[in-house]
Amino acid sequence: MTSLQNELPEWIDTHCHVTYEDIPGGAEAALVAAREVGVKKMITIGTDAKTSRAAIDLAAQHKDVWATVGLHPHDAKHGLDGLHALITQPRVVAIGECGLDYFYDHSDRAVQREIFAAQIALAHEHDLALVIHTRDAWDETFEILDSCGVPARTIFHCFTGSPVEAKSVWIVMRFSHFQES
């Protein structure tokens, strides 16, 4: 280990896609590169059944990697088939990446809302964190979270709101958790 590596802070990457097939050198090279710059723990994200399975398989091989299981809003039209069996696998720590994306509209908005609500329910049912992707869908995202309940551990990965909306995320998340305690 070099002296520079000894001085690096310890990082935890809570949202990486190291199982993507187009990464030069593949997942193993991505993990090595992350470790070399001080990343000590990583959560690799599932965005459909295939990438969720790949995330779980990778996490099973590396003690510093965990996985999520989820359906990205772009793929909501494909439904949750295949995800339920993956949720209880070892090293799965969250549901997601899920949410609403009205910028691209790759899936019908009503379907996105239905799939997002279903994934929130899964996070509650399995006591897992929730990883949210919300893009140009601020009001609907919070309507669904309000209706379904905000899981105790929730991360906003993609957020395109204003500073005022960001502050309200903090307020809603903070006070929703005080009420649960």
N, C-alpha and C. Protein backbone atom coordinates (compact mmCIF):
# COMPACT_ATOMS: atom_id res chain seq x y z
N MET A 1 0.85 -1.18 0.00
CA MET A 1 0.00 0.00 0.00
C MET A 1 0.89 1.24 0.00
N THR A 2 0.56 2.21 -0.84
CA THR A 2 1.37 3.43 -0.91
C THR A 2 1.01 4.37 0.24
N SER A 3 1.87 5.36 0.46
CA SER A 3 1.58 6.32 1.53
C SER A 3 0.32 7.12 1.22
N LEU A 4 0.06 7.37 -0.08
CA LEU A 4 -1.17 8.08 -0.46
C LEU A 4 -2.39 7.26 -0.05
N GLN A 5 -2.35 5.96 -0.29
CA GLN A 5 -3.47 5.11 0.09
C GLN A 5 -3.68 5.11 1.59
N ASN A 6 -2.61 5.21 2.36
CA ASN A 6 -2.74 5.27 3.81
C ASN A 6 -3.43 6.55 4.26
N GLU A 7 -3.34 7.61 3.47
CA GLU A 7 -3.91 8.90 3.84
C GLU A 7 -5.33 9.11 3.31
N LEU A 8 -5.81 8.23 2.46
CA LEU A 8 -7.14 8.40 1.88
C LEU A 8 -8.22 8.19 2.93
N PRO A 9 -9.29 8.97 2.86
CA PRO A 9 -10.42 8.72 3.76
C PRO A 9 -11.09 7.41 3.37
N GLU A 10 -11.85 6.86 4.28
CA GLU A 10 -12.63 5.66 3.96
C GLU A 10 -13.97 6.10 3.39
N TRP A 11 -14.31 5.54 2.26
CA TRP A 11 -15.55 5.88 1.59
C TRP A 11 -16.47 4.67 1.54
N ILE A 12 -17.76 4.96 1.54
CA ILE A 12 -18.78 3.94 1.29
C ILE A 12 -19.58 4.42 0.09
N ASP A 13 -19.58 3.64 -0.97
CA ASP A 13 -20.36 3.99 -2.16
C ASP A 13 -21.73 3.35 -2.00
N THR A 14 -22.74 4.16 -1.71
CA THR A 14 -24.08 3.64 -1.45
C THR A 14 -24.89 3.44 -2.72
N HIS A 15 -24.30 3.76 -3.87
CA HIS A 15 -25.06 3.61 -5.12
C HIS A 15 -24.09 3.47 -6.29
N CYS A 16 -23.79 2.24 -6.64
CA CYS A 16 -22.94 2.01 -7.81
C CYS A 16 -23.56 0.92 -8.68
N HIS A 17 -23.22 0.97 -9.94
CA HIS A 17 -23.73 0.01 -10.92
C HIS A 17 -22.55 -0.77 -11.50
N VAL A 18 -21.82 -1.46 -10.66
CA VAL A 18 -20.61 -2.13 -11.11
C VAL A 18 -20.89 -3.39 -11.93
N THR A 19 -22.13 -3.81 -12.01
CA THR A 19 -22.45 -5.00 -12.81
C THR A 19 -22.85 -4.64 -14.24
N TYR A 20 -22.85 -3.37 -14.59
CA TYR A 20 -23.16 -3.00 -15.97
C TYR A 20 -22.17 -3.66 -16.92
N GLU A 21 -22.67 -4.18 -18.00
CA GLU A 21 -21.83 -4.94 -18.93
C GLU A 21 -20.83 -4.09 -19.69
N ASP A 22 -21.05 -2.78 -19.79
CA ASP A 22 -20.15 -1.94 -20.59
C ASP A 22 -19.00 -1.33 -19.79
N ILE A 23 -18.81 -1.75 -18.55
CA ILE A 23 -17.69 -1.24 -17.75
C ILE A 23 -16.40 -1.89 -18.24
N PRO A 24 -15.41 -1.09 -18.63
CA PRO A 24 -14.13 -1.66 -19.08
C PRO A 24 -13.52 -2.55 -18.00
N GLY A 25 -13.24 -3.79 -18.35
CA GLY A 25 -12.66 -4.72 -17.38
C GLY A 25 -13.70 -5.41 -16.52
N GLY A 26 -14.94 -5.00 -16.62
CA GLY A 26 -16.02 -5.63 -15.88
C GLY A 26 -16.09 -5.24 -14.41
N ALA A 27 -16.96 -5.95 -13.70
CA ALA A 27 -17.21 -5.64 -12.29
C ALA A 27 -15.96 -5.78 -11.44
N GLU A 28 -15.18 -6.81 -11.69
CA GLU A 28 -13.98 -7.03 -10.87
C GLU A 28 -13.02 -5.85 -10.99
N ALA A 29 -12.83 -5.34 -12.19
CA ALA A 29 -11.95 -4.18 -12.39
C ALA A 29 -12.51 -2.95 -11.70
N ALA A 30 -13.82 -2.79 -11.74
CA ALA A 30 -14.45 -1.64 -11.08
C ALA A 30 -14.26 -1.71 -9.57
N LEU A 31 -14.39 -2.91 -9.00
CA LEU A 31 -14.19 -3.07 -7.56
C LEU A 31 -12.75 -2.77 -7.17
N VAL A 32 -11.81 -3.26 -7.94
CA VAL A 32 -10.39 -3.00 -7.66
C VAL A 32 -10.12 -1.50 -7.71
N ALA A 33 -10.62 -0.84 -8.75
CA ALA A 33 -10.39 0.61 -8.90
C ALA A 33 -10.99 1.38 -7.72
N ALA A 34 -12.17 0.98 -7.28
CA ALA A 34 -12.81 1.65 -6.15
C ALA A 34 -11.99 1.45 -4.87
N ARG A 35 -11.56 0.24 -4.64
CA ARG A 35 -10.77 -0.04 -3.44
C ARG A 35 -9.46 0.74 -3.44
N GLU A 36 -8.86 0.90 -4.60
CA GLU A 36 -7.58 1.61 -4.69
C GLU A 36 -7.68 3.08 -4.29
N VAL A 37 -8.87 3.65 -4.37
CA VAL A 37 -9.03 5.06 -3.99
C VAL A 37 -9.76 5.22 -2.66
N GLY A 38 -9.83 4.14 -1.88
CA GLY A 38 -10.34 4.25 -0.53
C GLY A 38 -11.78 3.85 -0.31
N VAL A 39 -12.45 3.31 -1.32
CA VAL A 39 -13.83 2.85 -1.12
C VAL A 39 -13.76 1.51 -0.37
N LYS A 40 -14.35 1.50 0.82
CA LYS A 40 -14.26 0.32 1.68
C LYS A 40 -15.48 -0.58 1.60
N LYS A 41 -16.62 0.00 1.25
CA LYS A 41 -17.86 -0.76 1.14
C LYS A 41 -18.65 -0.21 -0.04
N MET A 42 -19.39 -1.11 -0.71
CA MET A 42 -20.16 -0.70 -1.88
C MET A 42 -21.51 -1.39 -1.88
N ILE A 43 -22.50 -0.65 -2.33
CA ILE A 43 -23.83 -1.21 -2.55
C ILE A 43 -24.09 -1.10 -4.05
N THR A 44 -24.16 -2.25 -4.71
CA THR A 44 -24.41 -2.25 -6.14
C THR A 44 -25.91 -2.42 -6.38
N ILE A 45 -26.41 -1.66 -7.33
CA ILE A 45 -27.84 -1.43 -7.48
C ILE A 45 -28.46 -2.31 -8.55
N GLY A 46 -29.60 -2.89 -8.21
CA GLY A 46 -30.41 -3.61 -9.19
C GLY A 46 -31.46 -2.68 -9.78
N THR A 47 -31.64 -2.76 -11.09
CA THR A 47 -32.64 -1.92 -11.76
C THR A 47 -33.69 -2.75 -12.48
N ASP A 48 -33.53 -4.05 -12.47
CA ASP A 48 -34.49 -5.01 -13.03
C ASP A 48 -34.09 -6.38 -12.50
N ALA A 49 -34.79 -7.44 -12.91
CA ALA A 49 -34.48 -8.77 -12.37
C ALA A 49 -33.05 -9.19 -12.73
N LYS A 50 -32.61 -8.93 -13.95
CA LYS A 50 -31.28 -9.36 -14.39
C LYS A 50 -30.18 -8.65 -13.60
N THR A 51 -30.27 -7.32 -13.47
CA THR A 51 -29.21 -6.60 -12.76
C THR A 51 -29.30 -6.82 -11.26
N SER A 52 -30.49 -7.08 -10.75
CA SER A 52 -30.62 -7.40 -9.33
C SER A 52 -29.94 -8.74 -9.03
N ARG A 53 -30.15 -9.72 -9.89
CA ARG A 53 -29.50 -11.03 -9.73
C ARG A 53 -27.98 -10.86 -9.83
N ALA A 54 -27.51 -10.07 -10.79
CA ALA A 54 -26.06 -9.85 -10.94
C ALA A 54 -25.49 -9.17 -9.70
N ALA A 55 -26.23 -8.22 -9.13
CA ALA A 55 -25.77 -7.52 -7.92
C ALA A 55 -25.66 -8.50 -6.76
N ILE A 56 -26.64 -9.37 -6.62
CA ILE A 56 -26.63 -10.37 -5.54
C ILE A 56 -25.45 -11.33 -5.72
N ASP A 57 -25.26 -11.79 -6.95
CA ASP A 57 -24.15 -12.72 -7.22
C ASP A 57 -22.81 -12.08 -6.91
N LEU A 58 -22.64 -10.83 -7.29
CA LEU A 58 -21.38 -10.12 -7.01
C LEU A 58 -21.18 -9.95 -5.50
N ALA A 59 -22.24 -9.56 -4.81
CA ALA A 59 -22.15 -9.37 -3.36
C ALA A 59 -21.80 -10.68 -2.64
N ALA A 60 -22.28 -11.79 -3.17
CA ALA A 60 -21.98 -13.09 -2.56
C ALA A 60 -20.49 -13.43 -2.65
N GLN A 61 -19.80 -12.83 -3.60
CA GLN A 61 -18.38 -13.12 -3.82
C GLN A 61 -17.44 -12.15 -3.11
N HIS A 62 -17.98 -11.05 -2.57
CA HIS A 62 -17.13 -10.00 -2.00
C HIS A 62 -17.70 -9.52 -0.67
N LYS A 63 -16.91 -9.62 0.39
CA LYS A 63 -17.40 -9.24 1.72
C LYS A 63 -17.64 -7.75 1.87
N ASP A 64 -17.14 -6.94 0.95
CA ASP A 64 -17.32 -5.49 1.03
C ASP A 64 -18.40 -4.97 0.07
N VAL A 65 -19.19 -5.87 -0.49
CA VAL A 65 -20.24 -5.49 -1.45
C VAL A 65 -21.58 -6.03 -0.97
N TRP A 66 -22.61 -5.17 -1.08
CA TRP A 66 -23.99 -5.55 -0.80
C TRP A 66 -24.82 -5.24 -2.03
N ALA A 67 -26.06 -5.68 -2.05
CA ALA A 67 -26.90 -5.54 -3.24
C ALA A 67 -28.26 -4.95 -2.92
N THR A 68 -28.86 -4.36 -3.95
CA THR A 68 -30.26 -3.97 -3.89
C THR A 68 -31.02 -4.76 -4.95
N VAL A 69 -32.32 -4.84 -4.74
CA VAL A 69 -33.23 -5.48 -5.70
C VAL A 69 -34.29 -4.45 -6.03
N GLY A 70 -34.45 -4.16 -7.32
CA GLY A 70 -35.46 -3.18 -7.67
C GLY A 70 -35.75 -3.11 -9.14
N LEU A 71 -36.74 -2.29 -9.45
CA LEU A 71 -37.15 -2.04 -10.83
C LEU A 71 -37.15 -0.54 -11.07
N HIS A 72 -36.22 -0.09 -11.88
CA HIS A 72 -36.08 1.32 -12.23
C HIS A 72 -37.36 1.80 -12.92
N PRO A 73 -37.75 3.07 -12.72
CA PRO A 73 -38.97 3.55 -13.36
C PRO A 73 -38.97 3.41 -14.88
N HIS A 74 -37.82 3.44 -15.52
CA HIS A 74 -37.77 3.26 -16.97
C HIS A 74 -38.29 1.88 -17.37
N ASP A 75 -38.11 0.90 -16.48
CA ASP A 75 -38.49 -0.48 -16.77
C ASP A 75 -39.77 -0.91 -16.06
N ALA A 76 -40.49 0.03 -15.49
CA ALA A 76 -41.71 -0.31 -14.75
C ALA A 76 -42.70 -1.09 -15.60
N LYS A 77 -42.72 -0.82 -16.89
CA LYS A 77 -43.64 -1.49 -17.81
C LYS A 77 -43.44 -3.01 -17.83
N HIS A 78 -42.28 -3.48 -17.39
CA HIS A 78 -41.99 -4.92 -17.38
C HIS A 78 -42.51 -5.62 -16.13
N GLY A 79 -42.94 -4.88 -15.14
CA GLY A 79 -43.50 -5.46 -13.92
C GLY A 79 -42.45 -6.06 -13.00
N LEU A 80 -42.91 -6.49 -11.84
CA LEU A 80 -42.02 -6.97 -10.79
C LEU A 80 -41.70 -8.46 -10.86
N ASP A 81 -42.14 -9.13 -11.93
CA ASP A 81 -41.87 -10.56 -12.05
C ASP A 81 -40.38 -10.85 -11.90
N GLY A 82 -40.08 -11.84 -11.10
CA GLY A 82 -38.70 -12.25 -10.90
C GLY A 82 -38.00 -11.57 -9.74
N LEU A 83 -38.57 -10.48 -9.23
CA LEU A 83 -37.89 -9.76 -8.14
C LEU A 83 -38.21 -10.32 -6.76
N HIS A 84 -39.42 -10.81 -6.57
CA HIS A 84 -39.84 -11.26 -5.24
C HIS A 84 -38.91 -12.33 -4.67
N ALA A 85 -38.51 -13.27 -5.49
CA ALA A 85 -37.64 -14.36 -5.01
C ALA A 85 -36.24 -13.86 -4.65
N LEU A 86 -35.85 -12.71 -5.17
CA LEU A 86 -34.50 -12.19 -4.91
C LEU A 86 -34.39 -11.41 -3.61
N ILE A 87 -35.50 -10.88 -3.15
CA ILE A 87 -35.48 -9.95 -2.01
C ILE A 87 -34.90 -10.57 -0.75
N THR A 88 -35.15 -11.83 -0.53
CA THR A 88 -34.71 -12.47 0.71
C THR A 88 -33.32 -13.10 0.60
N GLN A 89 -32.65 -12.88 -0.51
CA GLN A 89 -31.31 -13.42 -0.68
C GLN A 89 -30.34 -12.73 0.29
N PRO A 90 -29.30 -13.46 0.73
CA PRO A 90 -28.31 -12.83 1.60
C PRO A 90 -27.67 -11.62 0.93
N ARG A 91 -27.33 -10.63 1.73
CA ARG A 91 -26.61 -9.43 1.32
C ARG A 91 -27.48 -8.42 0.57
N VAL A 92 -28.79 -8.65 0.50
CA VAL A 92 -29.70 -7.65 -0.05
C VAL A 92 -30.05 -6.69 1.08
N VAL A 93 -29.77 -5.40 0.86
CA VAL A 93 -29.96 -4.41 1.92
C VAL A 93 -31.00 -3.35 1.58
N ALA A 94 -31.53 -3.38 0.36
CA ALA A 94 -32.48 -2.33 -0.02
C ALA A 94 -33.33 -2.75 -1.21
N ILE A 95 -34.46 -2.06 -1.33
CA ILE A 95 -35.31 -2.15 -2.51
C ILE A 95 -35.02 -0.92 -3.36
N GLY A 96 -34.81 -1.14 -4.63
CA GLY A 96 -34.55 -0.03 -5.54
C GLY A 96 -33.35 -0.33 -6.41
N GLU A 97 -33.27 0.35 -7.31
CA GLU A 97 -33.57 1.77 -7.54
C GLU A 97 -34.98 1.83 -8.12
N CYS A 98 -35.84 2.54 -7.44
CA CYS A 98 -37.23 2.62 -7.87
C CYS A 98 -37.72 4.06 -7.74
N GLY A 99 -38.88 4.31 -8.30
CA GLY A 99 -39.43 5.66 -8.19
C GLY A 99 -40.18 6.07 -9.43
N LEU A 100 -40.06 7.35 -9.76
CA LEU A 100 -40.78 7.93 -10.90
C LEU A 100 -39.81 8.74 -11.74
N ASP A 101 -39.89 8.58 -13.05
CA ASP A 101 -39.08 9.39 -13.96
C ASP A 101 -39.97 9.89 -15.08
N TYR A 102 -40.40 11.15 -14.95
CA TYR A 102 -41.28 11.75 -15.95
C TYR A 102 -40.50 12.54 -17.00
N PHE A 103 -39.19 12.57 -16.89
CA PHE A 103 -38.37 13.25 -17.89
C PHE A 103 -38.32 12.43 -19.18
N TYR A 104 -38.06 11.13 -19.03
CA TYR A 104 -37.95 10.27 -20.20
C TYR A 104 -39.25 9.55 -20.54
N ASP A 105 -40.05 9.22 -19.55
CA ASP A 105 -41.32 8.51 -19.77
C ASP A 105 -41.15 7.22 -20.57
N HIS A 106 -40.15 6.41 -20.22
CA HIS A 106 -39.98 5.12 -20.89
C HIS A 106 -41.09 4.14 -20.52
N SER A 107 -41.72 4.35 -19.38
CA SER A 107 -42.86 3.55 -18.96
C SER A 107 -44.02 4.50 -18.67
N ASP A 108 -45.22 4.02 -18.90
CA ASP A 108 -46.42 4.80 -18.63
C ASP A 108 -46.41 5.32 -17.19
N ARG A 109 -46.82 6.54 -17.00
CA ARG A 109 -46.76 7.15 -15.66
C ARG A 109 -47.61 6.42 -14.64
N ALA A 110 -48.78 5.97 -15.04
CA ALA A 110 -49.64 5.23 -14.10
C ALA A 110 -48.96 3.92 -13.68
N VAL A 111 -48.30 3.26 -14.61
CA VAL A 111 -47.58 2.03 -14.30
C VAL A 111 -46.40 2.34 -13.37
N GLN A 112 -45.68 3.42 -13.63
CA GLN A 112 -44.58 3.81 -12.75
C GLN A 112 -45.08 4.01 -11.32
N ARG A 113 -46.21 4.71 -11.18
CA ARG A 113 -46.74 4.96 -9.83
C ARG A 113 -47.11 3.65 -9.13
N GLU A 114 -47.75 2.75 -9.86
CA GLU A 114 -48.16 1.47 -9.29
C GLU A 114 -46.94 0.65 -8.85
N ILE A 115 -45.93 0.58 -9.69
CA ILE A 115 -44.72 -0.20 -9.39
C ILE A 115 -43.93 0.43 -8.24
N PHE A 116 -43.87 1.75 -8.20
CA PHE A 116 -43.20 2.45 -7.10
C PHE A 116 -43.88 2.12 -5.78
N ALA A 117 -45.20 2.22 -5.74
CA ALA A 117 -45.95 1.92 -4.51
C ALA A 117 -45.72 0.47 -4.08
N ALA A 118 -45.70 -0.43 -5.04
CA ALA A 118 -45.48 -1.85 -4.72
C ALA A 118 -44.08 -2.06 -4.12
N GLN A 119 -43.10 -1.34 -4.62
CA GLN A 119 -41.74 -1.49 -4.09
C GLN A 119 -41.60 -0.85 -2.71
N ILE A 120 -42.31 0.22 -2.46
CA ILE A 120 -42.34 0.79 -1.10
C ILE A 120 -42.91 -0.25 -0.13
N ALA A 121 -43.99 -0.90 -0.56
CA ALA A 121 -44.61 -1.93 0.28
C ALA A 121 -43.62 -3.07 0.56
N LEU A 122 -42.84 -3.45 -0.44
CA LEU A 122 -41.84 -4.50 -0.24
C LEU A 122 -40.76 -4.06 0.75
N ALA A 123 -40.35 -2.82 0.67
CA ALA A 123 -39.36 -2.31 1.63
C ALA A 123 -39.90 -2.40 3.05
N HIS A 124 -41.16 -2.02 3.23
CA HIS A 124 -41.78 -2.12 4.56
C HIS A 124 -41.88 -3.59 4.99
N GLU A 125 -42.39 -4.43 4.10
CA GLU A 125 -42.62 -5.84 4.43
C GLU A 125 -41.33 -6.55 4.83
N HIS A 126 -40.24 -6.23 4.18
CA HIS A 126 -38.97 -6.93 4.42
C HIS A 126 -38.00 -6.11 5.28
N ASP A 127 -38.46 -4.98 5.79
CA ASP A 127 -37.64 -4.09 6.62
C ASP A 127 -36.31 -3.77 5.94
N LEU A 128 -36.41 -3.35 4.68
CA LEU A 128 -35.23 -2.97 3.91
C LEU A 128 -35.26 -1.48 3.62
N ALA A 129 -34.10 -0.94 3.33
CA ALA A 129 -34.01 0.46 2.91
C ALA A 129 -34.68 0.61 1.54
N LEU A 130 -34.97 1.85 1.17
CA LEU A 130 -35.57 2.17 -0.13
C LEU A 130 -34.66 3.16 -0.85
N VAL A 131 -34.32 2.86 -2.10
CA VAL A 131 -33.49 3.73 -2.92
C VAL A 131 -34.38 4.34 -3.99
N ILE A 132 -34.57 5.67 -3.91
CA ILE A 132 -35.52 6.36 -4.78
C ILE A 132 -34.82 7.13 -5.90
N HIS A 133 -35.37 6.98 -7.09
CA HIS A 133 -34.99 7.77 -8.27
C HIS A 133 -36.23 8.59 -8.62
N THR A 134 -36.16 9.90 -8.45
CA THR A 134 -37.29 10.75 -8.83
C THR A 134 -36.78 11.87 -9.73
N ARG A 135 -37.34 11.92 -10.91
CA ARG A 135 -36.91 12.94 -11.88
C ARG A 135 -38.15 13.57 -12.50
N ASP A 136 -38.28 14.87 -12.29
CA ASP A 136 -39.42 15.64 -12.80
C ASP A 136 -40.76 15.04 -12.36
N ALA A 137 -40.79 14.50 -11.14
CA ALA A 137 -41.99 13.85 -10.63
C ALA A 137 -42.13 14.11 -9.13
N TRP A 138 -41.76 15.30 -8.72
CA TRP A 138 -41.71 15.64 -7.30
C TRP A 138 -43.03 15.41 -6.58
N ASP A 139 -44.10 16.03 -7.03
CA ASP A 139 -45.38 15.96 -6.31
C ASP A 139 -45.89 14.52 -6.21
N GLU A 140 -45.85 13.80 -7.31
CA GLU A 140 -46.35 12.43 -7.30
C GLU A 140 -45.49 11.52 -6.41
N THR A 141 -44.19 11.75 -6.40
CA THR A 141 -43.32 10.94 -5.54
C THR A 141 -43.75 11.09 -4.08
N PHE A 142 -43.97 12.32 -3.65
CA PHE A 142 -44.33 12.51 -2.24
C PHE A 142 -45.77 12.14 -1.95
N GLU A 143 -46.65 12.21 -2.93
CA GLU A 143 -48.01 11.71 -2.71
C GLU A 143 -47.97 10.21 -2.44
N ILE A 144 -47.18 9.49 -3.21
CA ILE A 144 -47.08 8.04 -3.03
C ILE A 144 -46.38 7.71 -1.71
N LEU A 145 -45.30 8.41 -1.40
CA LEU A 145 -44.63 8.17 -0.11
C LEU A 145 -45.57 8.47 1.06
N ASP A 146 -46.35 9.53 0.94
CA ASP A 146 -47.30 9.87 1.99
C ASP A 146 -48.35 8.78 2.13
N SER A 147 -48.83 8.28 1.02
CA SER A 147 -49.87 7.25 1.03
C SER A 147 -49.35 5.91 1.55
N CYS A 148 -48.14 5.55 1.15
CA CYS A 148 -47.58 4.23 1.49
C CYS A 148 -46.77 4.23 2.78
N GLY A 149 -46.33 5.41 3.20
CA GLY A 149 -45.46 5.52 4.36
C GLY A 149 -44.00 5.48 3.94
N VAL A 150 -43.22 6.37 4.51
CA VAL A 150 -41.79 6.46 4.17
C VAL A 150 -41.04 5.39 4.97
N PRO A 151 -40.36 4.47 4.29
CA PRO A 151 -39.56 3.48 5.03
C PRO A 151 -38.52 4.17 5.92
N ALA A 152 -38.19 3.54 7.02
CA ALA A 152 -37.29 4.14 8.01
C ALA A 152 -35.93 4.50 7.42
N ARG A 153 -35.47 3.74 6.46
CA ARG A 153 -34.18 4.02 5.80
C ARG A 153 -34.47 4.27 4.33
N THR A 154 -34.41 5.52 3.94
CA THR A 154 -34.73 5.91 2.57
C THR A 154 -33.64 6.82 2.02
N ILE A 155 -33.23 6.55 0.79
CA ILE A 155 -32.19 7.33 0.13
C ILE A 155 -32.76 7.88 -1.17
N PHE A 156 -32.63 9.19 -1.37
CA PHE A 156 -32.96 9.79 -2.66
C PHE A 156 -31.70 9.79 -3.50
N HIS A 157 -31.66 8.93 -4.48
CA HIS A 157 -30.48 8.82 -5.36
C HIS A 157 -30.51 9.89 -6.44
N CYS A 158 -31.60 9.97 -7.14
CA CYS A 158 -31.74 10.95 -8.22
C CYS A 158 -32.82 11.93 -7.80
N PHE A 159 -32.49 13.20 -7.80
CA PHE A 159 -33.42 14.23 -7.34
C PHE A 159 -33.22 15.46 -8.20
N THR A 160 -34.29 15.93 -8.84
CA THR A 160 -34.18 17.09 -9.72
C THR A 160 -34.99 18.27 -9.20
N GLY A 161 -35.33 18.25 -7.93
CA GLY A 161 -36.12 19.33 -7.36
C GLY A 161 -35.28 20.56 -7.06
N SER A 162 -35.96 21.56 -6.56
CA SER A 162 -35.33 22.83 -6.22
C SER A 162 -34.72 22.76 -4.82
N PRO A 163 -33.95 23.79 -4.43
CA PRO A 163 -33.44 23.83 -3.05
C PRO A 163 -34.58 23.79 -2.01
N VAL A 164 -35.68 24.45 -2.31
CA VAL A 164 -36.83 24.43 -1.38
C VAL A 164 -37.37 23.01 -1.26
N GLU A 165 -37.47 22.31 -2.38
CA GLU A 165 -37.95 20.94 -2.34
C GLU A 165 -36.95 20.03 -1.63
N ALA A 166 -35.68 20.27 -1.82
CA ALA A 166 -34.66 19.48 -1.11
C ALA A 166 -34.80 19.66 0.39
N LYS A 167 -35.05 20.88 0.82
CA LYS A 167 -35.23 21.12 2.25
C LYS A 167 -36.47 20.39 2.75
N SER A 168 -37.53 20.37 1.96
CA SER A 168 -38.74 19.68 2.41
C SER A 168 -38.53 18.18 2.45
N VAL A 169 -37.65 17.63 1.59
CA VAL A 169 -37.30 16.21 1.69
C VAL A 169 -36.71 15.96 3.06
N TRP A 170 -35.77 16.79 3.46
CA TRP A 170 -35.13 16.63 4.76
C TRP A 170 -36.16 16.72 5.88
N ILE A 171 -37.05 17.67 5.81
CA ILE A 171 -38.06 17.85 6.85
C ILE A 171 -38.99 16.65 6.91
N VAL A 172 -39.50 16.22 5.76
CA VAL A 172 -40.43 15.08 5.73
C VAL A 172 -39.73 13.82 6.23
N MET A 173 -38.53 13.56 5.75
CA MET A 173 -37.82 12.36 6.15
C MET A 173 -37.51 12.40 7.65
N ARG A 174 -37.05 13.53 8.12
CA ARG A 174 -36.67 13.66 9.52
C ARG A 174 -37.87 13.44 10.43
N PHE A 175 -38.97 14.11 10.15
CA PHE A 175 -40.11 14.03 11.05
C PHE A 175 -40.90 12.74 10.88
N SER A 176 -40.88 12.14 9.71
CA SER A 176 -41.58 10.86 9.56
C SER A 176 -40.91 9.80 10.42
N HIS A 177 -39.61 9.90 10.61
CA HIS A 177 -38.91 8.90 11.41
C HIS A 177 -39.07 9.15 12.90
N PHE A 178 -39.20 10.39 13.31
CA PHE A 178 -39.46 10.66 14.72
C PHE A 178 -40.81 10.10 15.12
N GLN A 179 -41.78 10.16 14.23
CA GLN A 179 -43.11 9.66 14.54
C GLN A 179 -43.13 8.15 14.69
N GLU A 180 -42.24 7.46 13.98
CA GLU A 180 -42.21 6.00 14.07
C GLU A 180 -41.57 5.52 15.36
N SER A 181 -40.71 6.32 15.95
CA SER A 181 -39.96 5.89 17.14
C SER A 181 -40.83 5.85 18.37
